[in-house]
């Protein structure tokens, strides 16, 4: 979320909220990164190619431990 990704599995970031009047995805092929010292005036940026996760991602769902805490709280 800090990089403003809409759906990283399909290489989409959040498009401009004001131009689109809401949340829409924008497809990208790479992102640019750079590293600089705090005294630097210029930062050299380099592209990093992104690749889709579709079909290559294995996952399993689980309940967080806080689920059971909330479940107990709502029972009472």
N, C-alpha and C. Protein backbone atom coordinates (compact mmCIF):
# COMPACT_ATOMS: atom_id res chain seq x y z
N UNK A 1 0.81 -1.20 0.00
CA UNK A 1 0.00 0.00 0.00
C UNK A 1 0.85 1.26 0.00
N UNK A 2 2.02 1.19 0.58
CA UNK A 2 2.85 2.40 0.62
C UNK A 2 3.30 2.82 -0.78
N UNK A 3 3.35 1.88 -1.71
CA UNK A 3 3.73 2.21 -3.09
C UNK A 3 2.50 2.49 -3.95
N UNK A 4 1.34 2.49 -3.33
CA UNK A 4 0.09 2.83 -4.00
C UNK A 4 -0.34 1.78 -5.04
N UNK A 5 -0.03 0.51 -4.76
CA UNK A 5 -0.45 -0.55 -5.67
C UNK A 5 -1.93 -0.85 -5.50
N UNK A 6 -2.61 -1.00 -6.60
CA UNK A 6 -4.03 -1.33 -6.66
C UNK A 6 -4.18 -2.85 -6.63
N UNK A 7 -3.43 -3.53 -7.49
CA UNK A 7 -3.42 -4.99 -7.56
C UNK A 7 -2.03 -5.42 -8.03
N UNK A 8 -1.11 -5.71 -7.09
CA UNK A 8 0.26 -6.06 -7.50
C UNK A 8 0.34 -7.34 -8.32
N UNK A 9 -0.64 -8.24 -8.17
CA UNK A 9 -0.59 -9.49 -8.92
C UNK A 9 -0.75 -9.27 -10.42
N UNK A 10 -1.38 -8.15 -10.81
CA UNK A 10 -1.55 -7.83 -12.23
C UNK A 10 -0.81 -6.55 -12.62
N UNK A 11 0.11 -6.10 -11.76
CA UNK A 11 0.95 -4.93 -12.02
C UNK A 11 0.11 -3.67 -12.23
N UNK A 12 -0.83 -3.41 -11.33
CA UNK A 12 -1.66 -2.21 -11.42
C UNK A 12 -1.46 -1.34 -10.18
N UNK A 13 -1.36 -0.04 -10.41
CA UNK A 13 -1.28 0.94 -9.33
C UNK A 13 -2.55 1.77 -9.36
N UNK A 14 -2.78 2.53 -8.28
CA UNK A 14 -3.94 3.43 -8.24
C UNK A 14 -3.75 4.54 -9.26
N UNK A 15 -4.74 4.74 -10.10
CA UNK A 15 -4.71 5.83 -11.07
C UNK A 15 -5.08 7.12 -10.35
N UNK A 16 -5.04 8.23 -11.03
CA UNK A 16 -5.33 9.53 -10.44
C UNK A 16 -6.76 9.59 -9.91
N UNK A 17 -6.92 9.83 -8.60
CA UNK A 17 -8.25 9.85 -7.98
C UNK A 17 -9.12 10.97 -8.51
N UNK A 18 -8.54 12.12 -8.76
CA UNK A 18 -9.33 13.28 -9.18
C UNK A 18 -9.75 13.20 -10.64
N UNK A 19 -8.88 12.66 -11.48
CA UNK A 19 -9.25 12.51 -12.90
C UNK A 19 -10.32 11.45 -13.10
N UNK A 20 -10.30 10.40 -12.29
CA UNK A 20 -11.22 9.27 -12.47
C UNK A 20 -12.37 9.25 -11.49
N UNK A 21 -12.43 10.21 -10.58
CA UNK A 21 -13.51 10.31 -9.60
C UNK A 21 -13.72 9.03 -8.82
N UNK A 22 -12.66 8.40 -8.38
CA UNK A 22 -12.76 7.19 -7.59
C UNK A 22 -11.52 6.34 -7.72
N UNK A 23 -11.67 5.08 -7.40
CA UNK A 23 -10.54 4.15 -7.40
C UNK A 23 -10.55 3.33 -8.68
N UNK A 24 -9.49 3.49 -9.46
CA UNK A 24 -9.31 2.70 -10.68
C UNK A 24 -7.86 2.27 -10.78
N UNK A 25 -7.63 1.16 -11.43
CA UNK A 25 -6.27 0.66 -11.61
C UNK A 25 -5.64 1.16 -12.89
N UNK A 26 -4.33 1.34 -12.85
CA UNK A 26 -3.54 1.74 -14.00
C UNK A 26 -2.44 0.71 -14.19
N UNK A 27 -2.39 0.05 -15.35
CA UNK A 27 -1.37 -0.97 -15.60
C UNK A 27 -0.01 -0.33 -15.83
N UNK A 28 1.02 -0.91 -15.20
CA UNK A 28 2.39 -0.43 -15.39
C UNK A 28 3.28 -1.63 -15.70
N UNK A 29 4.44 -1.35 -16.30
CA UNK A 29 5.38 -2.43 -16.63
C UNK A 29 6.63 -2.39 -15.76
N UNK A 30 6.91 -1.21 -15.15
CA UNK A 30 8.07 -1.11 -14.28
C UNK A 30 7.89 0.03 -13.28
N UNK A 31 8.73 0.03 -12.27
CA UNK A 31 8.78 1.13 -11.31
C UNK A 31 10.22 1.63 -11.26
N UNK A 32 10.39 2.88 -10.89
CA UNK A 32 11.71 3.47 -10.80
C UNK A 32 12.08 3.64 -9.33
N UNK A 33 13.31 3.25 -9.00
CA UNK A 33 13.81 3.38 -7.63
C UNK A 33 15.15 4.10 -7.64
N UNK A 34 15.45 4.74 -6.54
CA UNK A 34 16.73 5.42 -6.40
C UNK A 34 17.11 5.52 -4.94
N UNK A 35 18.40 5.66 -4.70
CA UNK A 35 18.92 5.78 -3.34
C UNK A 35 19.82 7.00 -3.31
N UNK A 36 19.70 7.79 -2.23
CA UNK A 36 20.52 9.00 -2.12
C UNK A 36 20.87 9.26 -0.67
N UNK A 37 21.92 9.97 -0.46
CA UNK A 37 22.33 10.44 0.87
C UNK A 37 21.50 11.67 1.21
N UNK A 38 21.31 11.95 2.47
CA UNK A 38 20.47 13.08 2.86
C UNK A 38 21.00 14.42 2.35
N UNK A 39 22.29 14.52 2.03
CA UNK A 39 22.87 15.76 1.50
C UNK A 39 22.79 15.85 -0.02
N UNK A 40 22.31 14.80 -0.67
CA UNK A 40 22.26 14.78 -2.13
C UNK A 40 21.19 15.72 -2.66
N UNK A 41 21.51 16.37 -3.78
CA UNK A 41 20.54 17.24 -4.43
C UNK A 41 19.83 16.51 -5.57
N UNK A 42 20.46 15.48 -6.10
CA UNK A 42 19.89 14.72 -7.21
C UNK A 42 19.91 13.24 -6.86
N UNK A 43 18.90 12.54 -7.34
CA UNK A 43 18.80 11.11 -7.12
C UNK A 43 18.74 10.43 -8.48
N UNK A 44 19.65 9.52 -8.74
CA UNK A 44 19.61 8.74 -9.98
C UNK A 44 18.57 7.64 -9.82
N UNK A 45 17.67 7.55 -10.78
CA UNK A 45 16.59 6.57 -10.73
C UNK A 45 16.83 5.50 -11.79
N UNK A 46 16.51 4.26 -11.44
CA UNK A 46 16.66 3.14 -12.38
C UNK A 46 15.37 2.34 -12.42
N UNK A 47 14.97 1.88 -13.62
CA UNK A 47 13.72 1.10 -13.72
C UNK A 47 13.91 -0.34 -13.24
N UNK A 48 12.88 -0.88 -12.62
CA UNK A 48 12.83 -2.29 -12.26
C UNK A 48 11.60 -2.87 -12.94
N UNK A 49 11.81 -3.87 -13.78
CA UNK A 49 10.69 -4.50 -14.48
C UNK A 49 9.84 -5.30 -13.51
N UNK A 50 8.53 -5.25 -13.70
CA UNK A 50 7.58 -6.01 -12.89
C UNK A 50 7.05 -7.19 -13.70
N UNK A 51 6.71 -8.24 -13.00
CA UNK A 51 6.17 -9.43 -13.65
C UNK A 51 4.89 -9.86 -12.94
N UNK A 52 3.91 -10.28 -13.69
CA UNK A 52 2.62 -10.68 -13.14
C UNK A 52 2.76 -11.92 -12.26
N UNK A 53 1.95 -11.96 -11.19
CA UNK A 53 1.92 -13.13 -10.32
C UNK A 53 0.88 -14.13 -10.75
N UNK A 54 0.02 -13.78 -11.67
CA UNK A 54 -1.12 -14.63 -12.03
C UNK A 54 -0.67 -16.06 -12.33
N UNK A 55 -1.32 -17.01 -11.68
CA UNK A 55 -1.05 -18.42 -11.93
C UNK A 55 0.19 -18.95 -11.25
N UNK A 56 1.03 -18.08 -10.69
CA UNK A 56 2.29 -18.52 -10.08
C UNK A 56 2.27 -18.40 -8.56
N UNK A 57 1.18 -17.97 -7.99
CA UNK A 57 1.12 -17.69 -6.57
C UNK A 57 0.36 -18.77 -5.83
N UNK A 58 0.99 -19.34 -4.80
CA UNK A 58 0.32 -20.31 -3.96
C UNK A 58 0.05 -19.64 -2.62
N UNK A 59 -1.15 -19.81 -2.10
CA UNK A 59 -1.50 -19.20 -0.83
C UNK A 59 -2.54 -20.03 -0.11
N UNK A 60 -2.72 -19.75 1.16
CA UNK A 60 -3.81 -20.34 1.92
C UNK A 60 -4.34 -19.27 2.86
N UNK A 61 -5.64 -19.32 3.08
CA UNK A 61 -6.28 -18.35 3.95
C UNK A 61 -6.17 -18.81 5.39
N UNK A 62 -6.09 -17.83 6.31
CA UNK A 62 -6.06 -18.14 7.72
C UNK A 62 -6.74 -17.01 8.48
N UNK A 63 -7.21 -17.30 9.65
CA UNK A 63 -7.78 -16.28 10.50
C UNK A 63 -6.68 -15.72 11.40
N UNK A 64 -6.62 -14.41 11.53
CA UNK A 64 -5.66 -13.80 12.43
C UNK A 64 -6.06 -14.09 13.86
N UNK A 65 -5.09 -14.04 14.77
CA UNK A 65 -5.40 -14.32 16.18
C UNK A 65 -6.40 -13.31 16.74
N UNK A 66 -6.41 -12.09 16.21
CA UNK A 66 -7.37 -11.08 16.69
C UNK A 66 -8.81 -11.45 16.34
N UNK A 67 -9.00 -12.32 15.36
CA UNK A 67 -10.36 -12.77 15.01
C UNK A 67 -11.03 -13.39 16.22
N UNK A 68 -10.31 -14.25 16.93
CA UNK A 68 -10.87 -14.95 18.07
C UNK A 68 -11.13 -13.99 19.25
N UNK A 69 -10.29 -12.98 19.39
CA UNK A 69 -10.49 -11.96 20.42
C UNK A 69 -11.78 -11.19 20.13
N UNK A 70 -11.97 -10.78 18.88
CA UNK A 70 -13.18 -10.05 18.50
C UNK A 70 -14.41 -10.95 18.62
N UNK A 71 -14.26 -12.20 18.27
CA UNK A 71 -15.36 -13.14 18.37
C UNK A 71 -15.84 -13.25 19.82
N UNK A 72 -14.90 -13.34 20.76
CA UNK A 72 -15.24 -13.39 22.18
C UNK A 72 -15.91 -12.10 22.63
N UNK A 73 -15.41 -10.97 22.18
CA UNK A 73 -15.96 -9.67 22.58
C UNK A 73 -17.40 -9.50 22.09
N UNK A 74 -17.71 -9.97 20.90
CA UNK A 74 -19.06 -9.82 20.36
C UNK A 74 -20.05 -10.80 20.98
N UNK A 75 -19.54 -11.89 21.53
CA UNK A 75 -20.43 -12.84 22.20
C UNK A 75 -21.01 -12.26 23.48
N UNK A 76 -20.16 -11.48 24.20
CA UNK A 76 -20.54 -10.98 25.52
C UNK A 76 -21.50 -9.86 25.44
